[in-house]
Amino acid sequence: MADESAESPRYDVLDELSLSGLHALVTGGSRGLGRAIARALAAAGATVLIGGRDRQRLEDAARQISQETGTRILALAADLSVDEQRDRFLSEALRQLGRVDILVNNAGIGLRRPAVHTSLDDWERVLKINLTVPFALATALAPAMVSRGFGRIINVSSALGLIAFPGRSAYCAAKGGLIQLTKALALEFAEHGVTVNALCPGPFETETNRPIQEDPVAYQHYLSLIPQRRWAKPEELGPLAVYLASRASAFVTGAVFLIDGGWTAH
């Protein structure tokens, strides 16, 4: 009888998850969830460029991530909601990286305000940064991914893209739209080796959420909604982002991943 183990190549799941040789662009990568994702991608072997508006914060983050992962992290500052700056950002990012295999649309802003007190300017800014910018970056970079037969687009939405909170109308609309954009783009690129998926974090311990965490009443209210009775740490998002960026997730597209401690399972 033939020795089947001798005929079969050794399977190593970590090889499937390796991002060695791949180039990633992470927006909003200087802090919070974006920084955690950038660090995880770099630790998995990717060459990573982080984008954001604050040049000093980006450079500090790039230096620290580099020290933690032993890889060189690129940083590029721009306000992606300004069309001209976004165009320059893309051109320079491609010049520095050579190509983008992995796009992580993480940059976003929140707005906590009753709908009747939300101006159209505020509404449009929230939608532009959280929804229009991801559309613009994805559609700018996808054609080259399609031509190479490989690409990964990861949109960071939110649990509030699926459920709603009062006072969060603009944010909920934008993040819900990002989920639908994810599914539509996934269908358009599915036959070309390009996957598009969405991450939907629940309460995470980030700088953006610090006001809630420092408010005892609000903090306890959130804890009461989370079956695990805790907030997540940013680094808990990284491994899932690595999986979705890797070749191991080739058959996963148009999917929405909730990372919320069971919050939305109610």
C-alpha atoms as a PDB file:
ATOM      1  CA  MET A   1       0.000   0.000   0.000  1.00  0.00           C
ATOM      2  CA  ALA A   2       1.302   3.399  -0.952  1.00  0.00           C
ATOM      3  CA  ASP A   3       2.321   5.764   1.797  1.00  0.00           C
ATOM      4  CA  GLU A   4      -0.140   8.609   1.235  1.00  0.00           C
ATOM      5  CA  SER A   5       1.628  10.860   3.718  1.00  0.00           C
ATOM      6  CA  ALA A   6       4.817  10.616   1.682  1.00  0.00           C
ATOM      7  CA  GLU A   7       3.010  11.593  -1.512  1.00  0.00           C
ATOM      8  CA  SER A   8       1.205  14.595  -0.066  1.00  0.00           C
ATOM      9  CA  PRO A   9       3.017  17.895   0.492  1.00  0.00           C
ATOM     10  CA  ARG A  10       3.086  19.055   4.088  1.00  0.00           C
ATOM     11  CA  TYR A  11       0.223  21.431   4.818  1.00  0.00           C
ATOM     12  CA  ASP A  12       1.053  24.440   6.984  1.00  0.00           C
ATOM     13  CA  VAL A  13      -1.907  26.678   7.799  1.00  0.00           C
ATOM     14  CA  LEU A  14       0.447  29.479   8.821  1.00  0.00           C
ATOM     15  CA  ASP A  15       1.800  29.561   5.279  1.00  0.00           C
ATOM     16  CA  GLU A  16      -1.736  30.200   4.043  1.00  0.00           C
ATOM     17  CA  LEU A  17      -2.052  33.120   6.472  1.00  0.00           C
ATOM     18  CA  SER A  18       1.310  34.647   5.632  1.00  0.00           C
ATOM     19  CA  LEU A  19       1.230  38.070   3.977  1.00  0.00           C
ATOM     20  CA  SER A  20       4.857  37.951   2.913  1.00  0.00           C
ATOM     21  CA  GLY A  21       5.361  39.738  -0.401  1.00  0.00           C
ATOM     22  CA  LEU A  22       2.024  41.577  -0.206  1.00  0.00           C
ATOM     23  CA  HIS A  23       1.621  45.348   0.029  1.00  0.00           C
ATOM     24  CA  ALA A  24      -1.068  46.892   2.230  1.00  0.00           C
ATOM     25  CA  LEU A  25      -2.583  50.362   2.562  1.00  0.00           C
ATOM     26  CA  VAL A  26      -4.395  51.129   5.836  1.00  0.00           C
ATOM     27  CA  THR A  27      -6.268  54.415   6.199  1.00  0.00           C
ATOM     28  CA  GLY A  28      -6.695  55.868   9.660  1.00  0.00           C
ATOM     29  CA  GLY A  29      -3.667  53.802  10.614  1.00  0.00           C
ATOM     30  CA  SER A  30      -2.094  56.024  13.244  1.00  0.00           C
ATOM     31  CA  ARG A  31      -4.300  55.032  16.180  1.00  0.00           C
ATOM     32  CA  GLY A  32      -7.041  52.757  17.451  1.00  0.00           C
ATOM     33  CA  LEU A  33      -8.333  49.975  15.249  1.00  0.00           C
ATOM     34  CA  GLY A  34      -6.387  51.093  12.174  1.00  0.00           C
ATOM     35  CA  ARG A  35      -3.114  50.989  14.043  1.00  0.00           C
ATOM     36  CA  ALA A  36      -3.915  47.537  15.451  1.00  0.00           C
ATOM     37  CA  ILE A  37      -4.743  46.258  11.957  1.00  0.00           C
ATOM     38  CA  ALA A  38      -1.595  47.772  10.463  1.00  0.00           C
ATOM     39  CA  ARG A  39       0.534  46.150  13.166  1.00  0.00           C
ATOM     40  CA  ALA A  40      -1.091  42.752  12.603  1.00  0.00           C
ATOM     41  CA  LEU A  41      -0.621  42.928   8.825  1.00  0.00           C
ATOM     42  CA  ALA A  42       3.019  43.913   9.266  1.00  0.00           C
ATOM     43  CA  ALA A  43       3.602  41.116  11.781  1.00  0.00           C
ATOM     44  CA  ALA A  44       2.169  38.675   9.219  1.00  0.00           C
ATOM     45  CA  GLY A  45       4.765  39.812   6.673  1.00  0.00           C
ATOM     46  CA  ALA A  46       3.080  42.567   4.646  1.00  0.00           C
ATOM     47  CA  THR A  47       4.721  45.820   3.629  1.00  0.00           C
ATOM     48  CA  VAL A  48       2.370  48.402   5.153  1.00  0.00           C
ATOM     49  CA  LEU A  49       1.677  52.071   4.487  1.00  0.00           C
ATOM     50  CA  ILE A  50      -0.531  53.889   6.975  1.00  0.00           C
ATOM     51  CA  GLY A  51      -2.472  57.019   6.084  1.00  0.00           C
ATOM     52  CA  GLY A  52      -4.078  59.746   8.156  1.00  0.00           C
ATOM     53  CA  ARG A  53      -4.314  63.492   8.594  1.00  0.00           C
ATOM     54  CA  ASP A  54      -1.769  64.074  11.384  1.00  0.00           C
ATOM     55  CA  ARG A  55       1.751  63.682  10.023  1.00  0.00           C
ATOM     56  CA  GLN A  56       3.464  63.595  13.426  1.00  0.00           C
ATOM     57  CA  ARG A  57       1.027  61.050  14.815  1.00  0.00           C
ATOM     58  CA  LEU A  58       1.521  58.892  11.716  1.00  0.00           C
ATOM     59  CA  GLU A  59       5.302  59.030  11.956  1.00  0.00           C
ATOM     60  CA  ASP A  60       5.195  58.170  15.665  1.00  0.00           C
ATOM     61  CA  ALA A  61       2.857  55.246  14.986  1.00  0.00           C
ATOM     62  CA  ALA A  62       4.974  54.002  12.087  1.00  0.00           C
ATOM     63  CA  ARG A  63       8.089  54.091  14.242  1.00  0.00           C
ATOM     64  CA  GLN A  64       6.450  52.189  17.097  1.00  0.00           C
ATOM     65  CA  ILE A  65       4.843  49.563  14.852  1.00  0.00           C
ATOM     66  CA  SER A  66       8.201  49.088  13.159  1.00  0.00           C
ATOM     67  CA  GLN A  67       9.856  48.486  16.516  1.00  0.00           C
ATOM     68  CA  GLU A  68       7.155  46.022  17.546  1.00  0.00           C
ATOM     69  CA  THR A  69       7.146  44.014  14.314  1.00  0.00           C
ATOM     70  CA  GLY A  70      10.685  44.420  13.028  1.00  0.00           C
ATOM     71  CA  THR A  71       9.422  45.712   9.681  1.00  0.00           C
ATOM     72  CA  ARG A  72       9.585  49.106   8.026  1.00  0.00           C
ATOM     73  CA  ILE A  73       6.264  50.943   8.099  1.00  0.00           C
ATOM     74  CA  LEU A  74       5.556  53.716   5.603  1.00  0.00           C
ATOM     75  CA  ALA A  75       3.469  56.763   6.561  1.00  0.00           C
ATOM     76  CA  LEU A  76       1.704  59.311   4.384  1.00  0.00           C
ATOM     77  CA  ALA A  77      -0.414  62.241   5.559  1.00  0.00           C
ATOM     78  CA  ALA A  78      -3.500  63.561   3.739  1.00  0.00           C
ATOM     79  CA  ASP A  79      -7.094  64.572   4.325  1.00  0.00           C
ATOM     80  CA  LEU A  80      -8.808  61.925   2.224  1.00  0.00           C
ATOM     81  CA  SER A  81     -12.097  63.836   2.246  1.00  0.00           C
ATOM     82  CA  VAL A  82     -10.475  66.479   0.026  1.00  0.00           C
ATOM     83  CA  ASP A  83     -10.485  65.166  -3.536  1.00  0.00           C
ATOM     84  CA  GLU A  84      -7.185  66.743  -4.595  1.00  0.00           C
ATOM     85  CA  GLN A  85      -5.373  65.488  -1.491  1.00  0.00           C
ATOM     86  CA  ARG A  86      -6.823  62.010  -1.961  1.00  0.00           C
ATOM     87  CA  ASP A  87      -5.598  61.874  -5.564  1.00  0.00           C
ATOM     88  CA  ARG A  88      -2.099  62.920  -4.498  1.00  0.00           C
ATOM     89  CA  PHE A  89      -2.195  60.435  -1.632  1.00  0.00           C
ATOM     90  CA  LEU A  90      -3.017  57.562  -3.974  1.00  0.00           C
ATOM     91  CA  SER A  91      -0.301  58.521  -6.430  1.00  0.00           C
ATOM     92  CA  GLU A  92       2.335  58.790  -3.707  1.00  0.00           C
ATOM     93  CA  ALA A  93       1.182  55.606  -1.975  1.00  0.00           C
ATOM     94  CA  LEU A  94       1.539  53.690  -5.226  1.00  0.00           C
ATOM     95  CA  ARG A  95       4.942  55.241  -5.810  1.00  0.00           C
ATOM     96  CA  GLN A  96       6.157  54.154  -2.386  1.00  0.00           C
ATOM     97  CA  LEU A  97       4.536  50.713  -2.303  1.00  0.00           C
ATOM     98  CA  GLY A  98       4.757  49.858  -5.991  1.00  0.00           C
ATOM     99  CA  ARG A  99       1.287  48.326  -5.849  1.00  0.00           C
ATOM    100  CA  VAL A 100      -1.542  47.812  -3.372  1.00  0.00           C
ATOM    101  CA  ASP A 101      -2.643  44.213  -2.816  1.00  0.00           C
ATOM    102  CA  ILE A 102      -4.582  44.907   0.379  1.00  0.00           C
ATOM    103  CA  LEU A 103      -6.722  47.980   1.015  1.00  0.00           C
ATOM    104  CA  VAL A 104      -8.100  48.540   4.510  1.00  0.00           C
ATOM    105  CA  ASN A 105     -10.679  51.324   4.555  1.00  0.00           C
ATOM    106  CA  ASN A 106     -10.558  52.155   8.241  1.00  0.00           C
ATOM    107  CA  ALA A 107     -10.539  55.962   8.422  1.00  0.00           C
ATOM    108  CA  GLY A 108     -13.789  57.328   9.758  1.00  0.00           C
ATOM    109  CA  ILE A 109     -15.422  59.851  12.036  1.00  0.00           C
ATOM    110  CA  GLY A 110     -18.311  59.633  14.464  1.00  0.00           C
ATOM    111  CA  LEU A 111     -21.027  62.111  15.335  1.00  0.00           C
ATOM    112  CA  ARG A 112     -23.141  61.940  18.497  1.00  0.00           C
ATOM    113  CA  ARG A 113     -25.997  64.363  17.940  1.00  0.00           C
ATOM    114  CA  PRO A 114     -29.796  64.144  17.613  1.00  0.00           C
ATOM    115  CA  ALA A 115     -30.929  64.034  13.990  1.00  0.00           C
ATOM    116  CA  VAL A 116     -32.879  67.302  14.262  1.00  0.00           C
ATOM    117  CA  HIS A 117     -29.709  69.034  15.469  1.00  0.00           C
ATOM    118  CA  THR A 118     -27.494  67.571  12.747  1.00  0.00           C
ATOM    119  CA  SER A 119     -26.706  70.076  10.031  1.00  0.00           C
ATOM    120  CA  LEU A 120     -26.488  69.014   6.399  1.00  0.00           C
ATOM    121  CA  ASP A 121     -22.809  69.952   6.457  1.00  0.00           C
ATOM    122  CA  ASP A 122     -22.218  67.555   9.368  1.00  0.00           C
ATOM    123  CA  TRP A 123     -24.312  64.859   7.689  1.00  0.00           C
ATOM    124  CA  GLU A 124     -22.410  65.151   4.426  1.00  0.00           C
ATOM    125  CA  ARG A 125     -19.010  65.149   6.138  1.00  0.00           C
ATOM    126  CA  VAL A 126     -19.806  61.958   8.057  1.00  0.00           C
ATOM    127  CA  LEU A 127     -21.025  60.247   4.881  1.00  0.00           C
ATOM    128  CA  LYS A 128     -18.098  61.472   2.825  1.00  0.00           C
ATOM    129  CA  ILE A 129     -15.401  60.218   5.179  1.00  0.00           C
ATOM    130  CA  ASN A 130     -17.120  56.985   6.216  1.00  0.00           C
ATOM    131  CA  LEU A 131     -18.646  55.980   2.887  1.00  0.00           C
ATOM    132  CA  THR A 132     -17.580  58.074  -0.106  1.00  0.00           C
ATOM    133  CA  VAL A 133     -13.840  57.872   0.621  1.00  0.00           C
ATOM    134  CA  PRO A 134     -13.876  54.043   0.864  1.00  0.00           C
ATOM    135  CA  PHE A 135     -15.784  53.930  -2.434  1.00  0.00           C
ATOM    136  CA  ALA A 136     -13.260  56.266  -4.075  1.00  0.00           C
ATOM    137  CA  LEU A 137     -10.220  54.337  -2.841  1.00  0.00           C
ATOM    138  CA  ALA A 138     -11.670  50.925  -3.661  1.00  0.00           C
ATOM    139  CA  THR A 139     -12.694  51.871  -7.182  1.00  0.00           C
ATOM    140  CA  ALA A 140      -9.345  53.556  -7.821  1.00  0.00           C
ATOM    141  CA  LEU A 141      -7.279  50.553  -6.722  1.00  0.00           C
ATOM    142  CA  ALA A 142      -9.505  47.623  -7.758  1.00  0.00           C
ATOM    143  CA  PRO A 143      -8.771  47.731 -11.526  1.00  0.00           C
ATOM    144  CA  ALA A 144      -5.084  46.959 -10.925  1.00  0.00           C
ATOM    145  CA  MET A 145      -6.026  44.206  -8.473  1.00  0.00           C
ATOM    146  CA  VAL A 146      -8.352  42.728 -11.078  1.00  0.00           C
ATOM    147  CA  SER A 147      -5.630  42.831 -13.718  1.00  0.00           C
ATOM    148  CA  ARG A 148      -3.272  40.928 -11.376  1.00  0.00           C
ATOM    149  CA  GLY A 149      -5.969  38.441 -10.383  1.00  0.00           C
ATOM    150  CA  PHE A 150      -5.532  39.118  -6.666  1.00  0.00           C
ATOM    151  CA  GLY A 151      -6.721  41.735  -4.221  1.00  0.00           C
ATOM    152  CA  ARG A 152      -8.192  42.165  -0.768  1.00  0.00           C
ATOM    153  CA  ILE A 153     -10.450  45.059   0.227  1.00  0.00           C
ATOM    154  CA  ILE A 154     -11.461  45.242   3.893  1.00  0.00           C
ATOM    155  CA  ASN A 155     -13.980  47.880   4.924  1.00  0.00           C
ATOM    156  CA  VAL A 156     -14.176  48.714   8.614  1.00  0.00           C
ATOM    157  CA  SER A 157     -17.851  49.329   9.254  1.00  0.00           C
ATOM    158  CA  SER A 158     -19.451  49.033  12.698  1.00  0.00           C
ATOM    159  CA  ALA A 159     -22.022  47.109  14.659  1.00  0.00           C
ATOM    160  CA  LEU A 160     -23.983  50.357  14.301  1.00  0.00           C
ATOM    161  CA  GLY A 161     -24.180  49.625  10.600  1.00  0.00           C
ATOM    162  CA  LEU A 162     -26.565  46.812  11.530  1.00  0.00           C
ATOM    163  CA  ILE A 163     -28.295  48.092  14.652  1.00  0.00           C
ATOM    164  CA  ALA A 164     -29.068  51.676  15.616  1.00  0.00           C
ATOM    165  CA  PHE A 165     -28.577  54.025  18.538  1.00  0.00           C
ATOM    166  CA  PRO A 166     -30.392  57.324  19.070  1.00  0.00           C
ATOM    167  CA  GLY A 167     -28.226  60.309  18.300  1.00  0.00           C
ATOM    168  CA  ARG A 168     -26.170  58.408  15.748  1.00  0.00           C
ATOM    169  CA  SER A 169     -28.253  58.829  12.589  1.00  0.00           C
ATOM    170  CA  ALA A 170     -25.447  60.021  10.298  1.00  0.00           C
ATOM    171  CA  TYR A 171     -22.969  57.447  11.565  1.00  0.00           C
ATOM    172  CA  CYS A 172     -25.459  54.568  11.378  1.00  0.00           C
ATOM    173  CA  ALA A 173     -26.446  55.575   7.839  1.00  0.00           C
ATOM    174  CA  ALA A 174     -22.841  55.775   6.693  1.00  0.00           C
ATOM    175  CA  LYS A 175     -21.754  52.490   8.266  1.00  0.00           C
ATOM    176  CA  GLY A 176     -24.873  50.720   7.024  1.00  0.00           C
ATOM    177  CA  GLY A 177     -24.139  52.054   3.562  1.00  0.00           C
ATOM    178  CA  LEU A 178     -20.572  50.765   3.827  1.00  0.00           C
ATOM    179  CA  ILE A 179     -21.877  47.260   4.477  1.00  0.00           C
ATOM    180  CA  GLN A 180     -24.051  47.407   1.364  1.00  0.00           C
ATOM    181  CA  LEU A 181     -21.158  48.873  -0.640  1.00  0.00           C
ATOM    182  CA  THR A 182     -19.031  45.947   0.527  1.00  0.00           C
ATOM    183  CA  LYS A 183     -21.560  43.446  -0.791  1.00  0.00           C
ATOM    184  CA  ALA A 184     -22.058  45.231  -4.118  1.00  0.00           C
ATOM    185  CA  LEU A 185     -18.316  45.520  -4.797  1.00  0.00           C
ATOM    186  CA  ALA A 186     -17.814  41.894  -3.775  1.00  0.00           C
ATOM    187  CA  LEU A 187     -20.238  40.825  -6.482  1.00  0.00           C
ATOM    188  CA  GLU A 188     -18.551  42.988  -9.110  1.00  0.00           C
ATOM    189  CA  PHE A 189     -15.051  41.648  -8.406  1.00  0.00           C
ATOM    190  CA  ALA A 190     -15.857  38.075  -7.385  1.00  0.00           C
ATOM    191  CA  GLU A 191     -14.709  36.438 -10.627  1.00  0.00           C
ATOM    192  CA  HIS A 192     -11.378  38.251 -10.656  1.00  0.00           C
ATOM    193  CA  GLY A 193      -9.655  37.068  -7.491  1.00  0.00           C
ATOM    194  CA  VAL A 194     -10.531  40.239  -5.564  1.00  0.00           C
ATOM    195  CA  THR A 195     -12.474  39.843  -2.333  1.00  0.00           C
ATOM    196  CA  VAL A 196     -14.344  42.559  -0.450  1.00  0.00           C
ATOM    197  CA  ASN A 197     -15.410  42.050   3.156  1.00  0.00           C
ATOM    198  CA  ALA A 198     -16.552  44.146   6.104  1.00  0.00           C
ATOM    199  CA  LEU A 199     -15.473  44.179   9.733  1.00  0.00           C
ATOM    200  CA  CYS A 200     -18.122  45.406  12.172  1.00  0.00           C
ATOM    201  CA  PRO A 201     -16.577  46.130  15.550  1.00  0.00           C
ATOM    202  CA  GLY A 202     -18.665  46.649  18.639  1.00  0.00           C
ATOM    203  CA  PRO A 203     -17.362  48.538  21.692  1.00  0.00           C
ATOM    204  CA  PHE A 204     -13.566  48.696  21.577  1.00  0.00           C
ATOM    205  CA  GLU A 205     -11.208  50.491  23.937  1.00  0.00           C
ATOM    206  CA  THR A 206     -10.059  53.244  21.578  1.00  0.00           C
ATOM    207  CA  GLU A 207      -9.337  56.925  21.898  1.00  0.00           C
ATOM    208  CA  THR A 208     -12.561  57.721  20.043  1.00  0.00           C
ATOM    209  CA  ASN A 209     -14.605  55.827  22.629  1.00  0.00           C
ATOM    210  CA  ARG A 210     -12.770  57.209  25.663  1.00  0.00           C
ATOM    211  CA  PRO A 211     -15.550  59.695  26.597  1.00  0.00           C
ATOM    212  CA  ILE A 212     -17.980  56.773  26.960  1.00  0.00           C
ATOM    213  CA  GLN A 213     -15.511  54.692  28.932  1.00  0.00           C
ATOM    214  CA  GLU A 214     -14.882  57.590  31.320  1.00  0.00           C
ATOM    215  CA  ASP A 215     -18.613  58.135  31.898  1.00  0.00           C
ATOM    216  CA  PRO A 216     -19.616  55.582  34.586  1.00  0.00           C
ATOM    217  CA  VAL A 217     -23.293  55.557  33.619  1.00  0.00           C
ATOM    218  CA  ALA A 218     -22.671  55.231  29.865  1.00  0.00           C
ATOM    219  CA  TYR A 219     -19.929  52.661  30.418  1.00  0.00           C
ATOM    220  CA  GLN A 220     -22.158  50.442  32.561  1.00  0.00           C
ATOM    221  CA  HIS A 221     -24.977  50.770  30.030  1.00  0.00           C
ATOM    222  CA  TYR A 222     -22.729  49.446  27.284  1.00  0.00           C
ATOM    223  CA  LEU A 223     -21.483  46.621  29.502  1.00  0.00           C
ATOM    224  CA  SER A 224     -25.082  45.593  30.148  1.00  0.00           C
ATOM    225  CA  LEU A 225     -25.559  45.124  26.382  1.00  0.00           C
ATOM    226  CA  ILE A 226     -22.470  42.953  25.862  1.00  0.00           C
ATOM    227  CA  PRO A 227     -22.850  39.279  26.848  1.00  0.00           C
ATOM    228  CA  GLN A 228     -19.104  38.991  27.523  1.00  0.00           C
ATOM    229  CA  ARG A 229     -19.399  41.971  29.913  1.00  0.00           C
ATOM    230  CA  ARG A 230     -16.268  43.677  28.678  1.00  0.00           C
ATOM    231  CA  TRP A 231     -14.987  45.997  25.982  1.00  0.00           C
ATOM    232  CA  ALA A 232     -12.598  44.646  23.359  1.00  0.00           C
ATOM    233  CA  LYS A 233      -8.978  45.683  22.992  1.00  0.00           C
ATOM    234  CA  PRO A 234      -7.909  46.965  19.527  1.00  0.00           C
ATOM    235  CA  GLU A 235      -5.431  44.142  19.022  1.00  0.00           C
ATOM    236  CA  GLU A 236      -8.306  41.640  19.053  1.00  0.00           C
ATOM    237  CA  LEU A 237      -9.308  42.866  15.589  1.00  0.00           C
ATOM    238  CA  GLY A 238      -5.893  42.228  14.023  1.00  0.00           C
ATOM    239  CA  PRO A 239      -5.965  38.434  13.503  1.00  0.00           C
ATOM    240  CA  LEU A 240      -9.286  38.552  11.659  1.00  0.00           C
ATOM    241  CA  ALA A 241      -7.947  41.307   9.399  1.00  0.00           C
ATOM    242  CA  VAL A 242      -4.902  39.146   8.652  1.00  0.00           C
ATOM    243  CA  TYR A 243      -7.139  36.232   7.677  1.00  0.00           C
ATOM    244  CA  LEU A 244      -9.243  38.389   5.347  1.00  0.00           C
ATOM    245  CA  ALA A 245      -6.084  39.862   3.807  1.00  0.00           C
ATOM    246  CA  SER A 246      -4.482  36.472   3.227  1.00  0.00           C
ATOM    247  CA  ARG A 247      -4.775  33.830   0.547  1.00  0.00           C
ATOM    248  CA  ALA A 248      -6.497  31.613   3.115  1.00  0.00           C
ATOM    249  CA  SER A 249      -9.704  33.639   2.710  1.00  0.00           C
ATOM    250  CA  ALA A 250      -9.937  33.280  -1.069  1.00  0.00           C
ATOM    251  CA  PHE A 251     -13.519  31.936  -0.932  1.00  0.00           C
ATOM    252  CA  VAL A 252     -14.737  34.597   1.523  1.00  0.00           C
ATOM    253  CA  THR A 253     -16.255  37.672  -0.092  1.00  0.00           C
ATOM    254  CA  GLY A 254     -19.240  39.898   0.553  1.00  0.00           C
ATOM    255  CA  ALA A 255     -19.165  38.774   4.180  1.00  0.00           C
ATOM    256  CA  VAL A 256     -19.891  40.878   7.257  1.00  0.00           C
ATOM    257  CA  PHE A 257     -17.956  39.971  10.408  1.00  0.00           C
ATOM    258  CA  LEU A 258     -19.251  41.146  13.769  1.00  0.00           C
ATOM    259  CA  ILE A 259     -16.652  41.482  16.531  1.00  0.00           C
ATOM    260  CA  ASP A 260     -18.853  42.615  19.378  1.00  0.00           C
ATOM    261  CA  GLY A 261     -18.734  40.137  22.280  1.00  0.00           C
ATOM    262  CA  GLY A 262     -22.204  38.899  21.376  1.00  0.00           C
ATOM    263  CA  TRP A 263     -23.837  42.348  21.494  1.00  0.00           C
ATOM    264  CA  THR A 264     -25.892  41.951  18.309  1.00  0.00           C
ATOM    265  CA  ALA A 265     -26.756  38.288  18.973  1.00  0.00           C
ATOM    266  CA  HIS A 266     -29.659  39.422  21.188  1.00  0.00           C
END
